[in-house]
Amino acid sequence: MVYWLVIIWTLNIFDLAFTLTATQTGLFDEANPWVKPYVDMGQMWNIFAFKMMFLLLATWLFARNRRHWFCEAGLIAATLVYLGVAAMWLAHTPLFETFIQSSALH
C-alpha cells in the first residue's frame, strides 16, 4: 500500500506544480469546482493549502482502512485518475513552453 501512496503523492505534487504555474500564466481554467473559486481570485496559497489538506486527509483515510479490499481498489483508482491528469498536463506542456519563451523574449 505504501508504494501506491508514494505514487499518488508524487503525481499530486506534479499536478499542484502545473496548476500553480498555469494559474500564474493565465492560460488555465480550473475544472475542479472546489478549487475554482481560489483560482479565480488568484489565491495561490489557498490552492496549495486545499490540495495538501485533501491529500493528507485521503492519505489518512487510506492508511486507517488499509486492511480492507476497497482501500486497495481506491488507491489503484486514484492512481489511474492522477495518471490521466498528469497525461493531460504533459499534453499541454508545449503550450506553456511557448508562452514562457515568448514572454522571456519581450
N, C-alpha and C. Protein backbone atom coordinates (compact mmCIF):
# COMPACT_ATOMS: atom_id res chain seq x y z
N MET A 1 0.82 -1.20 0.00
CA MET A 1 0.00 0.00 0.00
C MET A 1 0.86 1.26 0.00
N VAL A 2 2.01 1.21 0.62
CA VAL A 2 2.85 2.40 0.71
C VAL A 2 3.27 2.88 -0.67
N TYR A 3 3.59 1.95 -1.57
CA TYR A 3 4.02 2.37 -2.91
C TYR A 3 2.92 3.10 -3.66
N TRP A 4 1.66 2.70 -3.44
CA TRP A 4 0.55 3.41 -4.08
C TRP A 4 0.47 4.85 -3.55
N LEU A 5 0.66 5.01 -2.25
CA LEU A 5 0.61 6.35 -1.66
C LEU A 5 1.77 7.21 -2.16
N VAL A 6 2.94 6.62 -2.32
CA VAL A 6 4.09 7.37 -2.84
C VAL A 6 3.80 7.83 -4.27
N ILE A 7 3.22 6.95 -5.07
CA ILE A 7 2.88 7.32 -6.45
C ILE A 7 1.85 8.44 -6.46
N ILE A 8 0.81 8.31 -5.63
CA ILE A 8 -0.23 9.34 -5.57
C ILE A 8 0.33 10.67 -5.10
N TRP A 9 1.18 10.66 -4.07
CA TRP A 9 1.80 11.90 -3.59
C TRP A 9 2.63 12.54 -4.69
N THR A 10 3.41 11.74 -5.40
CA THR A 10 4.26 12.27 -6.47
C THR A 10 3.41 12.89 -7.58
N LEU A 11 2.39 12.18 -8.00
CA LEU A 11 1.53 12.70 -9.05
C LEU A 11 0.75 13.93 -8.59
N ASN A 12 0.34 13.96 -7.33
CA ASN A 12 -0.38 15.11 -6.79
C ASN A 12 0.51 16.35 -6.75
N ILE A 13 1.75 16.18 -6.35
CA ILE A 13 2.67 17.32 -6.31
C ILE A 13 2.96 17.81 -7.73
N PHE A 14 3.07 16.87 -8.68
CA PHE A 14 3.22 17.22 -10.08
C PHE A 14 2.02 18.06 -10.54
N ASP A 15 0.82 17.61 -10.21
CA ASP A 15 -0.41 18.33 -10.56
C ASP A 15 -0.44 19.71 -9.90
N LEU A 16 -0.04 19.79 -8.64
CA LEU A 16 -0.02 21.07 -7.93
C LEU A 16 0.94 22.04 -8.60
N ALA A 17 2.13 21.58 -8.96
CA ALA A 17 3.11 22.45 -9.62
C ALA A 17 2.57 22.98 -10.94
N PHE A 18 1.96 22.12 -11.73
CA PHE A 18 1.40 22.56 -13.00
C PHE A 18 0.20 23.48 -12.79
N THR A 19 -0.63 23.19 -11.80
CA THR A 19 -1.78 24.06 -11.51
C THR A 19 -1.31 25.46 -11.14
N LEU A 20 -0.34 25.56 -10.25
CA LEU A 20 0.15 26.87 -9.83
C LEU A 20 0.81 27.61 -10.98
N THR A 21 1.60 26.89 -11.79
CA THR A 21 2.26 27.52 -12.94
C THR A 21 1.23 28.00 -13.96
N ALA A 22 0.27 27.14 -14.27
CA ALA A 22 -0.74 27.50 -15.27
C ALA A 22 -1.62 28.65 -14.78
N THR A 23 -1.91 28.67 -13.50
CA THR A 23 -2.73 29.74 -12.94
C THR A 23 -2.00 31.08 -13.05
N GLN A 24 -0.72 31.08 -12.80
CA GLN A 24 0.05 32.33 -12.85
C GLN A 24 0.21 32.84 -14.28
N THR A 25 0.19 31.95 -15.27
CA THR A 25 0.34 32.39 -16.65
C THR A 25 -0.97 32.87 -17.26
N GLY A 26 -2.10 32.50 -16.65
CA GLY A 26 -3.40 32.90 -17.16
C GLY A 26 -3.91 32.02 -18.30
N LEU A 27 -3.24 30.92 -18.56
CA LEU A 27 -3.63 30.02 -19.65
C LEU A 27 -4.40 28.81 -19.14
N PHE A 28 -5.22 29.02 -18.14
CA PHE A 28 -5.75 27.87 -17.43
C PHE A 28 -7.15 28.15 -16.90
N ASP A 29 -8.03 27.19 -17.07
CA ASP A 29 -9.35 27.22 -16.43
C ASP A 29 -9.44 25.98 -15.55
N GLU A 30 -9.59 26.18 -14.27
CA GLU A 30 -9.67 25.07 -13.32
C GLU A 30 -10.97 24.30 -13.52
N ALA A 31 -10.86 22.98 -13.59
CA ALA A 31 -12.04 22.12 -13.78
C ALA A 31 -12.64 21.68 -12.45
N ASN A 32 -11.85 21.69 -11.38
CA ASN A 32 -12.32 21.25 -10.07
C ASN A 32 -13.18 22.36 -9.45
N PRO A 33 -14.47 22.10 -9.23
CA PRO A 33 -15.34 23.17 -8.70
C PRO A 33 -14.98 23.60 -7.28
N TRP A 34 -14.28 22.78 -6.52
CA TRP A 34 -13.88 23.17 -5.16
C TRP A 34 -12.67 24.10 -5.18
N VAL A 35 -11.84 23.99 -6.18
CA VAL A 35 -10.62 24.80 -6.26
C VAL A 35 -10.84 26.05 -7.12
N LYS A 36 -11.80 25.98 -8.04
CA LYS A 36 -12.02 27.08 -8.98
C LYS A 36 -12.18 28.45 -8.32
N PRO A 37 -12.93 28.60 -7.23
CA PRO A 37 -13.03 29.94 -6.62
C PRO A 37 -11.67 30.51 -6.20
N TYR A 38 -10.79 29.66 -5.71
CA TYR A 38 -9.45 30.12 -5.31
C TYR A 38 -8.63 30.53 -6.53
N VAL A 39 -8.76 29.77 -7.62
CA VAL A 39 -8.04 30.11 -8.85
C VAL A 39 -8.56 31.43 -9.40
N ASP A 40 -9.88 31.59 -9.41
CA ASP A 40 -10.46 32.83 -9.94
C ASP A 40 -10.03 34.05 -9.14
N MET A 41 -9.80 33.89 -7.85
CA MET A 41 -9.35 35.00 -7.01
C MET A 41 -7.83 35.15 -6.99
N GLY A 42 -7.12 34.21 -7.62
CA GLY A 42 -5.67 34.28 -7.66
C GLY A 42 -5.01 33.98 -6.33
N GLN A 43 -5.66 33.20 -5.50
CA GLN A 43 -5.13 32.89 -4.16
C GLN A 43 -4.28 31.62 -4.21
N MET A 44 -3.01 31.79 -4.55
CA MET A 44 -2.11 30.64 -4.71
C MET A 44 -1.93 29.86 -3.41
N TRP A 45 -1.80 30.56 -2.31
CA TRP A 45 -1.60 29.90 -1.03
C TRP A 45 -2.79 29.00 -0.69
N ASN A 46 -4.00 29.48 -0.97
CA ASN A 46 -5.19 28.67 -0.70
C ASN A 46 -5.27 27.44 -1.59
N ILE A 47 -4.83 27.57 -2.84
CA ILE A 47 -4.81 26.42 -3.74
C ILE A 47 -3.86 25.37 -3.18
N PHE A 48 -2.68 25.81 -2.78
CA PHE A 48 -1.68 24.90 -2.20
C PHE A 48 -2.24 24.24 -0.93
N ALA A 49 -2.81 25.04 -0.05
CA ALA A 49 -3.33 24.51 1.22
C ALA A 49 -4.48 23.53 0.98
N PHE A 50 -5.40 23.86 0.06
CA PHE A 50 -6.53 22.98 -0.23
C PHE A 50 -6.04 21.63 -0.75
N LYS A 51 -5.14 21.65 -1.72
CA LYS A 51 -4.66 20.40 -2.31
C LYS A 51 -3.89 19.57 -1.29
N MET A 52 -3.09 20.21 -0.46
CA MET A 52 -2.31 19.47 0.54
C MET A 52 -3.22 18.90 1.64
N MET A 53 -4.20 19.69 2.08
CA MET A 53 -5.11 19.18 3.11
C MET A 53 -5.93 18.00 2.59
N PHE A 54 -6.38 18.09 1.33
CA PHE A 54 -7.14 17.00 0.74
C PHE A 54 -6.27 15.76 0.62
N LEU A 55 -5.01 15.94 0.22
CA LEU A 55 -4.09 14.81 0.08
C LEU A 55 -3.79 14.17 1.43
N LEU A 56 -3.59 14.99 2.45
CA LEU A 56 -3.35 14.46 3.80
C LEU A 56 -4.57 13.71 4.32
N LEU A 57 -5.76 14.24 4.09
CA LEU A 57 -6.98 13.56 4.52
C LEU A 57 -7.13 12.21 3.80
N ALA A 58 -6.91 12.22 2.49
CA ALA A 58 -7.01 10.97 1.73
C ALA A 58 -5.98 9.95 2.19
N THR A 59 -4.77 10.40 2.47
CA THR A 59 -3.72 9.50 2.96
C THR A 59 -4.13 8.91 4.30
N TRP A 60 -4.65 9.74 5.19
CA TRP A 60 -5.08 9.25 6.50
C TRP A 60 -6.20 8.22 6.36
N LEU A 61 -7.18 8.51 5.48
CA LEU A 61 -8.29 7.56 5.28
C LEU A 61 -7.80 6.24 4.71
N PHE A 62 -6.90 6.30 3.73
CA PHE A 62 -6.37 5.07 3.16
C PHE A 62 -5.55 4.29 4.18
N ALA A 63 -4.74 4.99 4.96
CA ALA A 63 -3.93 4.31 5.97
C ALA A 63 -4.80 3.70 7.07
N ARG A 64 -5.83 4.39 7.44
CA ARG A 64 -6.73 3.90 8.51
C ARG A 64 -7.51 2.66 8.07
N ASN A 65 -7.83 2.58 6.79
CA ASN A 65 -8.63 1.47 6.27
C ASN A 65 -7.82 0.52 5.41
N ARG A 66 -6.53 0.47 5.60
CA ARG A 66 -5.64 -0.28 4.71
C ARG A 66 -5.91 -1.78 4.66
N ARG A 67 -6.59 -2.32 5.62
CA ARG A 67 -6.84 -3.76 5.64
C ARG A 67 -8.08 -4.17 4.84
N HIS A 68 -8.78 -3.21 4.31
CA HIS A 68 -9.99 -3.50 3.55
C HIS A 68 -9.66 -3.54 2.05
N TRP A 69 -10.30 -4.45 1.34
CA TRP A 69 -10.03 -4.61 -0.09
C TRP A 69 -10.39 -3.35 -0.87
N PHE A 70 -11.43 -2.64 -0.42
CA PHE A 70 -11.86 -1.46 -1.16
C PHE A 70 -10.83 -0.34 -1.06
N CYS A 71 -10.02 -0.37 -0.04
CA CYS A 71 -8.97 0.64 0.10
C CYS A 71 -7.92 0.46 -1.01
N GLU A 72 -7.49 -0.76 -1.21
CA GLU A 72 -6.53 -1.04 -2.29
C GLU A 72 -7.13 -0.69 -3.65
N ALA A 73 -8.39 -1.03 -3.85
CA ALA A 73 -9.05 -0.69 -5.11
C ALA A 73 -9.14 0.83 -5.27
N GLY A 74 -9.42 1.54 -4.19
CA GLY A 74 -9.48 3.00 -4.23
C GLY A 74 -8.15 3.63 -4.55
N LEU A 75 -7.09 3.07 -3.98
CA LEU A 75 -5.74 3.58 -4.26
C LEU A 75 -5.38 3.38 -5.73
N ILE A 76 -5.72 2.23 -6.26
CA ILE A 76 -5.44 1.97 -7.67
C ILE A 76 -6.25 2.92 -8.55
N ALA A 77 -7.52 3.11 -8.22
CA ALA A 77 -8.37 4.03 -8.98
C ALA A 77 -7.84 5.46 -8.91
N ALA A 78 -7.46 5.90 -7.72
CA ALA A 78 -6.92 7.26 -7.56
C ALA A 78 -5.63 7.42 -8.35
N THR A 79 -4.80 6.39 -8.35
CA THR A 79 -3.55 6.45 -9.12
C THR A 79 -3.85 6.58 -10.61
N LEU A 80 -4.82 5.83 -11.10
CA LEU A 80 -5.18 5.91 -12.51
C LEU A 80 -5.72 7.30 -12.87
N VAL A 81 -6.52 7.87 -11.98
CA VAL A 81 -7.04 9.22 -12.22
C VAL A 81 -5.89 10.22 -12.28
N TYR A 82 -4.97 10.16 -11.33
CA TYR A 82 -3.84 11.09 -11.32
C TYR A 82 -2.91 10.87 -12.51
N LEU A 83 -2.78 9.62 -12.98
CA LEU A 83 -2.00 9.38 -14.20
C LEU A 83 -2.67 10.05 -15.40
N GLY A 84 -4.00 10.01 -15.44
CA GLY A 84 -4.73 10.71 -16.50
C GLY A 84 -4.53 12.21 -16.44
N VAL A 85 -4.57 12.76 -15.22
CA VAL A 85 -4.34 14.20 -15.05
C VAL A 85 -2.92 14.57 -15.49
N ALA A 86 -1.95 13.75 -15.11
CA ALA A 86 -0.56 14.00 -15.50
C ALA A 86 -0.41 13.95 -17.02
N ALA A 87 -1.09 13.01 -17.65
CA ALA A 87 -1.03 12.91 -19.11
C ALA A 87 -1.62 14.15 -19.77
N MET A 88 -2.72 14.67 -19.21
CA MET A 88 -3.31 15.89 -19.77
C MET A 88 -2.36 17.08 -19.61
N TRP A 89 -1.72 17.18 -18.44
CA TRP A 89 -0.77 18.27 -18.23
C TRP A 89 0.38 18.16 -19.22
N LEU A 90 0.90 16.96 -19.40
CA LEU A 90 2.02 16.78 -20.33
C LEU A 90 1.62 17.09 -21.77
N ALA A 91 0.37 16.82 -22.11
CA ALA A 91 -0.12 17.14 -23.46
C ALA A 91 -0.14 18.65 -23.68
N HIS A 92 -0.30 19.43 -22.61
CA HIS A 92 -0.36 20.89 -22.72
C HIS A 92 0.98 21.57 -22.45
N THR A 93 2.00 20.80 -22.15
CA THR A 93 3.31 21.38 -21.84
C THR A 93 3.86 22.25 -22.96
N PRO A 94 3.75 21.86 -24.25
CA PRO A 94 4.26 22.75 -25.31
C PRO A 94 3.62 24.13 -25.29
N LEU A 95 2.34 24.21 -24.93
CA LEU A 95 1.67 25.50 -24.83
C LEU A 95 2.36 26.38 -23.79
N PHE A 96 2.68 25.82 -22.63
CA PHE A 96 3.34 26.59 -21.58
C PHE A 96 4.76 26.96 -21.97
N GLU A 97 5.47 26.06 -22.64
CA GLU A 97 6.83 26.37 -23.08
C GLU A 97 6.83 27.53 -24.07
N THR A 98 5.87 27.51 -25.01
CA THR A 98 5.75 28.59 -25.97
C THR A 98 5.45 29.92 -25.29
N PHE A 99 4.54 29.90 -24.32
CA PHE A 99 4.18 31.11 -23.60
C PHE A 99 5.38 31.67 -22.83
N ILE A 100 6.08 30.80 -22.13
CA ILE A 100 7.22 31.23 -21.32
C ILE A 100 8.32 31.77 -22.21
N GLN A 101 8.61 31.12 -23.32
CA GLN A 101 9.65 31.58 -24.23
C GLN A 101 9.29 32.90 -24.87
N SER A 102 8.04 33.07 -25.29
CA SER A 102 7.65 34.33 -25.91
C SER A 102 7.65 35.47 -24.89
N SER A 103 7.31 35.17 -23.64
CA SER A 103 7.34 36.20 -22.60
C SER A 103 8.76 36.60 -22.26
N ALA A 104 9.68 35.65 -22.30
CA ALA A 104 11.07 35.94 -21.96
C ALA A 104 11.73 36.79 -23.05
N LEU A 105 11.27 36.70 -24.28
CA LEU A 105 11.86 37.46 -25.37
C LEU A 105 11.43 38.91 -25.39
N HIS A 106 10.28 39.21 -24.80
CA HIS A 106 9.77 40.59 -24.83
C HIS A 106 10.17 41.33 -23.63
